[in-house]
Amino acid sequence: MVNPSELSTSARADLANRVFFRLYQCANMLHKTGTRAVEAEGLTTQQWAVLGALSRPDAEGGMSVGDLARYLMVSRQNLSGLISRMESAGHIGSAPDGRDRRSRLVTMTDSGRDVWTRLAQPKIHDYYEQALDGFSSNDLTHTLHYLLKLLENMKRLDNDKEPASAGD
């Protein structure tokens, strides 16, 4: 006979597997369909995230590469190539930080801000409406709550804390 607590653990593991697999699928579809939404502007979802991060009032003066990587929860190595491509496209600029010459400050250019506000954001908002079709405000609030709770738990699991180094 099966112990009820083992069944519960097994059922929980099955549900967890389904949740994480759906999350994985959603992330892949976000990259695929999100990039399609802004590709006419020469952007990808990763570039969209960088421009979004730099467009926040908190980042008006720019962000160090390290702060941007931490905010986006990506490695500096992954961000480095992205920054280079976005600089080549004229969307962002980077220069030594006046407060810490070892650190590079990333800022959105006027051209990048124009692409972000005039071209990309209307398409992003339309994408959100389509992707969230059928979601009530209550659904959105609950979804955000659970995603934030999951993110906090995953942050605790993150053992890849990189020591701060020059070249932020």
N, C-alpha and C. Protein backbone atom coordinates (compact mmCIF):
# COMPACT_ATOMS: atom_id res chain seq x y z
N MET A 1 0.83 -1.17 0.00
CA MET A 1 0.00 0.00 0.00
C MET A 1 0.89 1.25 0.00
N VAL A 2 0.45 2.31 -0.68
CA VAL A 2 1.23 3.54 -0.80
C VAL A 2 0.96 4.44 0.40
N ASN A 3 2.02 4.92 1.00
CA ASN A 3 1.92 5.86 2.11
C ASN A 3 1.38 7.19 1.58
N PRO A 4 0.32 7.76 2.20
CA PRO A 4 -0.25 9.02 1.71
C PRO A 4 0.76 10.16 1.63
N SER A 5 1.72 10.21 2.56
CA SER A 5 2.70 11.30 2.50
C SER A 5 3.64 11.15 1.31
N GLU A 6 3.95 9.90 0.92
CA GLU A 6 4.78 9.68 -0.27
C GLU A 6 4.02 10.08 -1.53
N LEU A 7 2.75 9.78 -1.56
CA LEU A 7 1.93 10.17 -2.71
C LEU A 7 1.90 11.69 -2.83
N SER A 8 1.77 12.35 -1.69
CA SER A 8 1.74 13.80 -1.67
C SER A 8 3.06 14.37 -2.20
N THR A 9 4.17 13.77 -1.75
CA THR A 9 5.49 14.22 -2.21
C THR A 9 5.65 13.97 -3.70
N SER A 10 5.20 12.83 -4.15
CA SER A 10 5.28 12.49 -5.57
C SER A 10 4.40 13.41 -6.40
N ALA A 11 3.19 13.66 -5.92
CA ALA A 11 2.28 14.55 -6.64
C ALA A 11 2.85 15.96 -6.68
N ARG A 12 3.45 16.40 -5.56
CA ARG A 12 4.07 17.73 -5.51
C ARG A 12 5.23 17.81 -6.50
N ALA A 13 6.05 16.77 -6.55
CA ALA A 13 7.18 16.75 -7.48
C ALA A 13 6.69 16.80 -8.92
N ASP A 14 5.60 16.09 -9.21
CA ASP A 14 5.04 16.11 -10.56
C ASP A 14 4.53 17.50 -10.91
N LEU A 15 3.83 18.13 -9.98
CA LEU A 15 3.34 19.49 -10.21
C LEU A 15 4.50 20.47 -10.39
N ALA A 16 5.53 20.33 -9.56
CA ALA A 16 6.70 21.21 -9.68
C ALA A 16 7.35 21.04 -11.05
N ASN A 17 7.47 19.81 -11.50
CA ASN A 17 8.05 19.56 -12.81
C ASN A 17 7.22 20.24 -13.90
N ARG A 18 5.92 20.13 -13.79
CA ARG A 18 5.04 20.75 -14.78
C ARG A 18 5.15 22.27 -14.75
N VAL A 19 5.21 22.85 -13.54
CA VAL A 19 5.34 24.31 -13.41
C VAL A 19 6.64 24.79 -14.05
N PHE A 20 7.76 24.14 -13.71
CA PHE A 20 9.04 24.59 -14.23
C PHE A 20 9.17 24.34 -15.73
N PHE A 21 8.58 23.28 -16.22
CA PHE A 21 8.62 23.04 -17.66
C PHE A 21 7.80 24.11 -18.38
N ARG A 22 6.64 24.46 -17.85
CA ARG A 22 5.82 25.52 -18.47
C ARG A 22 6.54 26.87 -18.39
N LEU A 23 7.22 27.12 -17.29
CA LEU A 23 7.99 28.35 -17.16
C LEU A 23 9.10 28.38 -18.22
N TYR A 24 9.76 27.26 -18.41
CA TYR A 24 10.80 27.15 -19.44
C TYR A 24 10.19 27.42 -20.82
N GLN A 25 9.04 26.82 -21.11
CA GLN A 25 8.39 27.05 -22.40
C GLN A 25 7.99 28.51 -22.56
N CYS A 26 7.46 29.12 -21.49
CA CYS A 26 7.08 30.53 -21.56
C CYS A 26 8.29 31.42 -21.85
N ALA A 27 9.42 31.12 -21.20
CA ALA A 27 10.64 31.91 -21.43
C ALA A 27 11.08 31.79 -22.89
N ASN A 28 11.04 30.59 -23.42
CA ASN A 28 11.41 30.40 -24.82
C ASN A 28 10.46 31.11 -25.76
N MET A 29 9.17 31.03 -25.47
CA MET A 29 8.18 31.71 -26.32
C MET A 29 8.28 33.23 -26.18
N LEU A 30 8.64 33.71 -24.99
CA LEU A 30 8.85 35.14 -24.81
C LEU A 30 9.97 35.62 -25.72
N HIS A 31 11.08 34.88 -25.73
CA HIS A 31 12.19 35.27 -26.60
C HIS A 31 11.78 35.22 -28.08
N LYS A 32 11.09 34.18 -28.47
CA LYS A 32 10.70 34.01 -29.87
C LYS A 32 9.66 35.05 -30.30
N THR A 33 8.54 35.13 -29.58
CA THR A 33 7.46 36.03 -29.99
C THR A 33 7.74 37.48 -29.62
N GLY A 34 8.46 37.69 -28.51
CA GLY A 34 8.82 39.05 -28.12
C GLY A 34 9.79 39.67 -29.11
N THR A 35 10.77 38.88 -29.53
CA THR A 35 11.72 39.38 -30.53
C THR A 35 10.99 39.68 -31.84
N ARG A 36 10.06 38.83 -32.20
CA ARG A 36 9.29 39.07 -33.43
C ARG A 36 8.53 40.40 -33.34
N ALA A 37 8.06 40.75 -32.13
CA ALA A 37 7.29 41.98 -31.95
C ALA A 37 8.13 43.23 -32.18
N VAL A 38 9.45 43.15 -31.90
CA VAL A 38 10.30 44.35 -32.01
C VAL A 38 11.43 44.20 -33.04
N GLU A 39 11.39 43.16 -33.84
CA GLU A 39 12.49 42.94 -34.78
C GLU A 39 12.58 44.02 -35.86
N ALA A 40 11.46 44.66 -36.20
CA ALA A 40 11.50 45.73 -37.21
C ALA A 40 12.33 46.91 -36.72
N GLU A 41 12.48 47.03 -35.39
CA GLU A 41 13.29 48.09 -34.80
C GLU A 41 14.73 47.63 -34.61
N GLY A 42 15.03 46.42 -35.06
CA GLY A 42 16.38 45.87 -34.92
C GLY A 42 16.68 45.40 -33.51
N LEU A 43 15.64 45.06 -32.74
CA LEU A 43 15.82 44.67 -31.35
C LEU A 43 15.50 43.19 -31.12
N THR A 44 16.07 42.66 -30.05
CA THR A 44 15.73 41.34 -29.54
C THR A 44 15.15 41.54 -28.15
N THR A 45 14.62 40.48 -27.54
CA THR A 45 14.09 40.63 -26.19
C THR A 45 15.20 41.01 -25.21
N GLN A 46 16.42 40.54 -25.44
CA GLN A 46 17.52 40.90 -24.56
C GLN A 46 17.82 42.40 -24.67
N GLN A 47 17.82 42.92 -25.89
CA GLN A 47 18.05 44.35 -26.09
C GLN A 47 16.90 45.16 -25.53
N TRP A 48 15.69 44.66 -25.68
CA TRP A 48 14.50 45.29 -25.12
C TRP A 48 14.68 45.41 -23.60
N ALA A 49 15.18 44.36 -22.97
CA ALA A 49 15.38 44.38 -21.52
C ALA A 49 16.42 45.42 -21.11
N VAL A 50 17.50 45.53 -21.88
CA VAL A 50 18.54 46.52 -21.58
C VAL A 50 17.98 47.93 -21.72
N LEU A 51 17.28 48.20 -22.82
CA LEU A 51 16.70 49.53 -23.00
C LEU A 51 15.67 49.83 -21.92
N GLY A 52 14.88 48.83 -21.55
CA GLY A 52 13.90 49.01 -20.48
C GLY A 52 14.58 49.35 -19.17
N ALA A 53 15.66 48.64 -18.85
CA ALA A 53 16.40 48.90 -17.61
C ALA A 53 16.98 50.31 -17.62
N LEU A 54 17.55 50.72 -18.75
CA LEU A 54 18.18 52.04 -18.84
C LEU A 54 17.16 53.18 -18.93
N SER A 55 15.91 52.86 -19.26
CA SER A 55 14.89 53.91 -19.38
C SER A 55 14.25 54.26 -18.04
N ARG A 56 14.53 53.50 -17.00
CA ARG A 56 13.95 53.76 -15.69
C ARG A 56 14.51 55.05 -15.10
N PRO A 57 13.70 55.79 -14.36
CA PRO A 57 14.20 57.03 -13.73
C PRO A 57 15.45 56.79 -12.88
N ASP A 58 15.52 55.63 -12.20
CA ASP A 58 16.69 55.30 -11.38
C ASP A 58 17.98 55.22 -12.19
N ALA A 59 17.86 54.95 -13.49
CA ALA A 59 19.03 54.76 -14.34
C ALA A 59 19.27 55.94 -15.27
N GLU A 60 18.66 57.07 -14.98
CA GLU A 60 18.78 58.23 -15.85
C GLU A 60 20.23 58.62 -16.14
N GLY A 61 21.09 58.49 -15.14
CA GLY A 61 22.50 58.83 -15.33
C GLY A 61 23.33 57.67 -15.85
N GLY A 62 22.68 56.56 -16.17
CA GLY A 62 23.38 55.37 -16.64
C GLY A 62 23.52 54.34 -15.53
N MET A 63 24.04 53.19 -15.91
CA MET A 63 24.26 52.10 -14.96
C MET A 63 25.62 51.48 -15.25
N SER A 64 26.29 51.04 -14.21
CA SER A 64 27.54 50.31 -14.44
C SER A 64 27.18 48.97 -15.06
N VAL A 65 28.13 48.37 -15.75
CA VAL A 65 27.90 47.07 -16.37
C VAL A 65 27.51 46.06 -15.29
N GLY A 66 28.18 46.10 -14.16
CA GLY A 66 27.88 45.17 -13.07
C GLY A 66 26.48 45.37 -12.52
N ASP A 67 26.07 46.62 -12.32
CA ASP A 67 24.72 46.89 -11.82
C ASP A 67 23.67 46.45 -12.83
N LEU A 68 23.93 46.69 -14.10
CA LEU A 68 23.01 46.28 -15.15
C LEU A 68 22.90 44.76 -15.21
N ALA A 69 24.02 44.07 -15.09
CA ALA A 69 24.01 42.61 -15.08
C ALA A 69 23.22 42.08 -13.88
N ARG A 70 23.43 42.67 -12.72
CA ARG A 70 22.69 42.24 -11.52
C ARG A 70 21.20 42.52 -11.67
N TYR A 71 20.86 43.68 -12.22
CA TYR A 71 19.45 44.04 -12.39
C TYR A 71 18.75 43.07 -13.34
N LEU A 72 19.43 42.74 -14.44
CA LEU A 72 18.85 41.83 -15.43
C LEU A 72 19.04 40.36 -15.06
N MET A 73 19.87 40.11 -14.04
CA MET A 73 20.18 38.75 -13.58
C MET A 73 20.82 37.91 -14.68
N VAL A 74 21.82 38.52 -15.32
CA VAL A 74 22.62 37.83 -16.33
C VAL A 74 24.09 37.99 -15.95
N SER A 75 24.94 37.20 -16.56
CA SER A 75 26.37 37.34 -16.28
C SER A 75 26.94 38.54 -17.04
N ARG A 76 28.02 39.09 -16.51
CA ARG A 76 28.70 40.19 -17.21
C ARG A 76 29.17 39.73 -18.59
N GLN A 77 29.58 38.47 -18.67
CA GLN A 77 30.06 37.93 -19.94
C GLN A 77 28.94 37.95 -20.99
N ASN A 78 27.75 37.51 -20.61
CA ASN A 78 26.63 37.53 -21.54
C ASN A 78 26.24 38.96 -21.91
N LEU A 79 26.32 39.85 -20.95
CA LEU A 79 25.95 41.24 -21.19
C LEU A 79 26.97 41.96 -22.06
N SER A 80 28.23 41.57 -21.96
CA SER A 80 29.30 42.24 -22.70
C SER A 80 29.06 42.24 -24.21
N GLY A 81 28.76 41.09 -24.78
CA GLY A 81 28.51 41.01 -26.21
C GLY A 81 27.27 41.78 -26.60
N LEU A 82 26.25 41.72 -25.77
CA LEU A 82 25.01 42.45 -26.02
C LEU A 82 25.26 43.95 -26.04
N ILE A 83 26.04 44.43 -25.08
CA ILE A 83 26.38 45.85 -25.03
C ILE A 83 27.14 46.26 -26.28
N SER A 84 28.09 45.45 -26.70
CA SER A 84 28.86 45.77 -27.92
C SER A 84 27.96 45.89 -29.13
N ARG A 85 27.03 44.94 -29.29
CA ARG A 85 26.11 44.98 -30.44
C ARG A 85 25.21 46.20 -30.37
N MET A 86 24.74 46.53 -29.16
CA MET A 86 23.86 47.69 -29.02
C MET A 86 24.59 49.00 -29.21
N GLU A 87 25.88 49.04 -28.84
CA GLU A 87 26.69 50.23 -29.11
C GLU A 87 26.89 50.39 -30.61
N SER A 88 27.17 49.30 -31.30
CA SER A 88 27.34 49.35 -32.75
C SER A 88 26.08 49.83 -33.45
N ALA A 89 24.92 49.45 -32.90
CA ALA A 89 23.64 49.88 -33.48
C ALA A 89 23.29 51.32 -33.10
N GLY A 90 24.05 51.91 -32.16
CA GLY A 90 23.81 53.29 -31.75
C GLY A 90 22.75 53.46 -30.68
N HIS A 91 22.29 52.35 -30.06
CA HIS A 91 21.24 52.43 -29.05
C HIS A 91 21.76 52.83 -27.68
N ILE A 92 23.00 52.44 -27.38
CA ILE A 92 23.58 52.75 -26.07
C ILE A 92 25.02 53.20 -26.26
N GLY A 93 25.56 53.80 -25.22
CA GLY A 93 26.96 54.16 -25.20
C GLY A 93 27.54 53.71 -23.87
N SER A 94 28.83 53.50 -23.84
CA SER A 94 29.48 53.19 -22.57
C SER A 94 30.78 53.96 -22.50
N ALA A 95 31.10 54.37 -21.29
CA ALA A 95 32.32 55.15 -21.06
C ALA A 95 32.77 54.90 -19.63
N PRO A 96 34.03 55.20 -19.34
CA PRO A 96 34.47 55.05 -17.94
C PRO A 96 33.59 55.88 -17.02
N ASP A 97 33.25 55.30 -15.89
CA ASP A 97 32.44 55.99 -14.88
C ASP A 97 33.30 57.07 -14.23
N GLY A 98 32.81 58.29 -14.22
CA GLY A 98 33.56 59.40 -13.63
C GLY A 98 33.84 59.21 -12.15
N ARG A 99 33.00 58.41 -11.46
CA ARG A 99 33.19 58.19 -10.02
C ARG A 99 34.16 57.05 -9.75
N ASP A 100 34.26 56.11 -10.70
CA ASP A 100 35.13 54.95 -10.53
C ASP A 100 35.67 54.57 -11.90
N ARG A 101 36.87 54.97 -12.22
CA ARG A 101 37.44 54.80 -13.56
C ARG A 101 37.57 53.33 -13.95
N ARG A 102 37.53 52.41 -12.97
CA ARG A 102 37.62 50.98 -13.31
C ARG A 102 36.30 50.45 -13.84
N SER A 103 35.23 51.20 -13.58
CA SER A 103 33.89 50.78 -13.95
C SER A 103 33.43 51.51 -15.21
N ARG A 104 32.66 50.81 -16.05
CA ARG A 104 32.10 51.42 -17.25
C ARG A 104 30.63 51.73 -17.02
N LEU A 105 30.22 52.91 -17.43
CA LEU A 105 28.85 53.36 -17.28
C LEU A 105 28.13 53.21 -18.62
N VAL A 106 26.99 52.54 -18.61
CA VAL A 106 26.20 52.31 -19.82
C VAL A 106 25.01 53.27 -19.79
N THR A 107 24.83 54.01 -20.88
CA THR A 107 23.72 54.96 -20.99
C THR A 107 22.99 54.75 -22.31
N MET A 108 21.74 55.14 -22.33
CA MET A 108 20.98 55.09 -23.57
C MET A 108 21.28 56.35 -24.38
N THR A 109 21.53 56.19 -25.66
CA THR A 109 21.77 57.34 -26.53
C THR A 109 20.44 57.99 -26.89
N ASP A 110 20.50 59.18 -27.47
CA ASP A 110 19.28 59.83 -27.95
C ASP A 110 18.59 58.96 -28.99
N SER A 111 19.38 58.36 -29.85
CA SER A 111 18.82 57.46 -30.87
C SER A 111 18.17 56.25 -30.22
N GLY A 112 18.82 55.67 -29.22
CA GLY A 112 18.26 54.54 -28.51
C GLY A 112 16.97 54.91 -27.79
N ARG A 113 16.94 56.10 -27.21
CA ARG A 113 15.72 56.55 -26.52
C ARG A 113 14.59 56.74 -27.52
N ASP A 114 14.89 57.25 -28.71
CA ASP A 114 13.87 57.42 -29.74
C ASP A 114 13.33 56.05 -30.18
N VAL A 115 14.22 55.11 -30.42
CA VAL A 115 13.79 53.76 -30.80
C VAL A 115 12.93 53.17 -29.68
N TRP A 116 13.36 53.35 -28.44
CA TRP A 116 12.65 52.78 -27.30
C TRP A 116 11.26 53.41 -27.14
N THR A 117 11.19 54.73 -27.07
CA THR A 117 9.91 55.39 -26.75
C THR A 117 8.96 55.47 -27.95
N ARG A 118 9.47 55.81 -29.09
CA ARG A 118 8.60 56.05 -30.24
C ARG A 118 8.27 54.78 -31.01
N LEU A 119 9.24 53.88 -31.15
CA LEU A 119 9.03 52.71 -31.99
C LEU A 119 8.74 51.42 -31.21
N ALA A 120 9.57 51.12 -30.24
CA ALA A 120 9.46 49.82 -29.57
C ALA A 120 8.33 49.76 -28.55
N GLN A 121 8.20 50.77 -27.71
CA GLN A 121 7.21 50.68 -26.63
C GLN A 121 5.77 50.46 -27.11
N PRO A 122 5.31 51.15 -28.16
CA PRO A 122 3.95 50.85 -28.61
C PRO A 122 3.79 49.38 -29.05
N LYS A 123 4.81 48.83 -29.67
CA LYS A 123 4.74 47.43 -30.09
C LYS A 123 4.82 46.49 -28.89
N ILE A 124 5.62 46.86 -27.90
CA ILE A 124 5.73 46.06 -26.69
C ILE A 124 4.39 46.05 -25.94
N HIS A 125 3.75 47.20 -25.84
CA HIS A 125 2.46 47.27 -25.15
C HIS A 125 1.41 46.44 -25.90
N ASP A 126 1.44 46.48 -27.21
CA ASP A 126 0.53 45.66 -28.01
C ASP A 126 0.84 44.18 -27.79
N TYR A 127 2.11 43.83 -27.71
CA TYR A 127 2.52 42.44 -27.44
C TYR A 127 1.98 42.00 -26.08
N TYR A 128 2.13 42.84 -25.06
CA TYR A 128 1.61 42.52 -23.73
C TYR A 128 0.11 42.23 -23.79
N GLU A 129 -0.62 43.10 -24.47
CA GLU A 129 -2.08 42.92 -24.57
C GLU A 129 -2.43 41.58 -25.21
N GLN A 130 -1.72 41.24 -26.27
CA GLN A 130 -1.99 39.97 -26.94
C GLN A 130 -1.59 38.77 -26.08
N ALA A 131 -0.42 38.85 -25.46
CA ALA A 131 0.08 37.73 -24.65
C ALA A 131 -0.76 37.54 -23.38
N LEU A 132 -1.34 38.61 -22.88
CA LEU A 132 -2.12 38.54 -21.64
C LEU A 132 -3.62 38.52 -21.90
N ASP A 133 -4.00 38.22 -23.13
CA ASP A 133 -5.42 38.15 -23.48
C ASP A 133 -6.13 37.17 -22.55
N GLY A 134 -7.24 37.60 -21.99
CA GLY A 134 -8.00 36.74 -21.10
C GLY A 134 -7.59 36.82 -19.64
N PHE A 135 -6.53 37.56 -19.34
CA PHE A 135 -6.09 37.74 -17.95
C PHE A 135 -6.84 38.93 -17.34
N SER A 136 -7.43 38.73 -16.19
CA SER A 136 -8.04 39.85 -15.47
C SER A 136 -6.94 40.58 -14.70
N SER A 137 -7.28 41.74 -14.17
CA SER A 137 -6.31 42.46 -13.32
C SER A 137 -5.95 41.61 -12.12
N ASN A 138 -6.91 40.89 -11.59
CA ASN A 138 -6.67 40.00 -10.46
C ASN A 138 -5.71 38.88 -10.86
N ASP A 139 -5.91 38.31 -12.05
CA ASP A 139 -5.00 37.27 -12.55
C ASP A 139 -3.57 37.80 -12.64
N LEU A 140 -3.44 39.01 -13.18
CA LEU A 140 -2.11 39.61 -13.32
C LEU A 140 -1.47 39.84 -11.96
N THR A 141 -2.24 40.33 -11.01
CA THR A 141 -1.71 40.57 -9.67
C THR A 141 -1.23 39.27 -9.03
N HIS A 142 -2.03 38.22 -9.14
CA HIS A 142 -1.64 36.93 -8.57
C HIS A 142 -0.42 36.34 -9.29
N THR A 143 -0.41 36.45 -10.61
CA THR A 143 0.73 35.93 -11.38
C THR A 143 2.02 36.63 -10.95
N LEU A 144 1.96 37.95 -10.85
CA LEU A 144 3.14 38.71 -10.43
C LEU A 144 3.56 38.30 -9.02
N HIS A 145 2.62 38.14 -8.12
CA HIS A 145 2.92 37.73 -6.76
C HIS A 145 3.67 36.40 -6.75
N TYR A 146 3.18 35.43 -7.48
CA TYR A 146 3.80 34.10 -7.46
C TYR A 146 5.15 34.09 -8.19
N LEU A 147 5.27 34.87 -9.25
CA LEU A 147 6.56 34.94 -9.92
C LEU A 147 7.61 35.60 -9.03
N LEU A 148 7.22 36.65 -8.31
CA LEU A 148 8.16 37.30 -7.39
C LEU A 148 8.56 36.36 -6.25
N LYS A 149 7.62 35.59 -5.77
CA LYS A 149 7.90 34.62 -4.71
C LYS A 149 8.87 33.54 -5.22
N LEU A 150 8.64 33.05 -6.42
CA LEU A 150 9.53 32.07 -7.04
C LEU A 150 10.91 32.67 -7.27
N LEU A 151 10.96 33.89 -7.75
CA LEU A 151 12.23 34.56 -8.00
C LEU A 151 13.04 34.72 -6.72
N GLU A 152 12.39 35.10 -5.64
CA GLU A 152 13.10 35.24 -4.36
C GLU A 152 13.67 33.90 -3.91
N ASN A 153 12.91 32.83 -4.04
CA ASN A 153 13.41 31.50 -3.68
C ASN A 153 14.60 31.11 -4.56
N MET A 154 14.51 31.41 -5.85
CA MET A 154 15.60 31.06 -6.77
C MET A 154 16.85 31.89 -6.48
N LYS A 155 16.67 33.13 -6.07
CA LYS A 155 17.82 33.97 -5.70
C LYS A 155 18.57 33.35 -4.53
N ARG A 156 17.81 32.80 -3.59
CA ARG A 156 18.46 32.15 -2.44
C ARG A 156 19.27 30.94 -2.88
N LEU A 157 18.85 30.29 -3.95
CA LEU A 157 19.57 29.12 -4.45
C LEU A 157 20.80 29.49 -5.27
N ASP A 158 20.85 30.74 -5.68
CA ASP A 158 21.94 31.17 -6.56
C ASP A 158 23.26 31.22 -5.80
N ASN A 159 24.07 30.24 -6.07
CA ASN A 159 25.38 30.18 -5.41
C ASN A 159 26.49 30.73 -6.28
N ASP A 160 26.11 31.33 -7.40
CA ASP A 160 27.11 31.84 -8.33
C ASP A 160 27.41 33.30 -8.08
N LYS A 161 27.46 33.69 -6.83
CA LYS A 161 27.75 35.09 -6.48
C LYS A 161 29.17 35.41 -6.90
N GLU A 162 29.28 36.31 -7.86
CA GLU A 162 30.59 36.71 -8.34
C GLU A 162 31.10 37.87 -7.47
N PRO A 163 32.33 37.80 -7.05
CA PRO A 163 32.88 38.94 -6.30
C PRO A 163 32.95 40.17 -7.20
N ALA A 164 32.71 41.31 -6.63
CA ALA A 164 32.83 42.55 -7.39
C ALA A 164 34.26 42.67 -7.90
N SER A 165 34.37 43.10 -9.15
CA SER A 165 35.70 43.24 -9.72
C SER A 165 35.78 44.47 -10.58
N ALA A 166 36.98 44.82 -10.95
CA ALA A 166 37.20 45.96 -11.86
C ALA A 166 36.51 45.65 -13.17
N GLY A 167 36.08 46.67 -13.86
CA GLY A 167 35.45 46.49 -15.15
C GLY A 167 33.95 46.38 -15.06
N ASP A 168 33.41 46.69 -13.86
CA ASP A 168 31.96 46.69 -13.71
C ASP A 168 31.42 47.59 -14.76
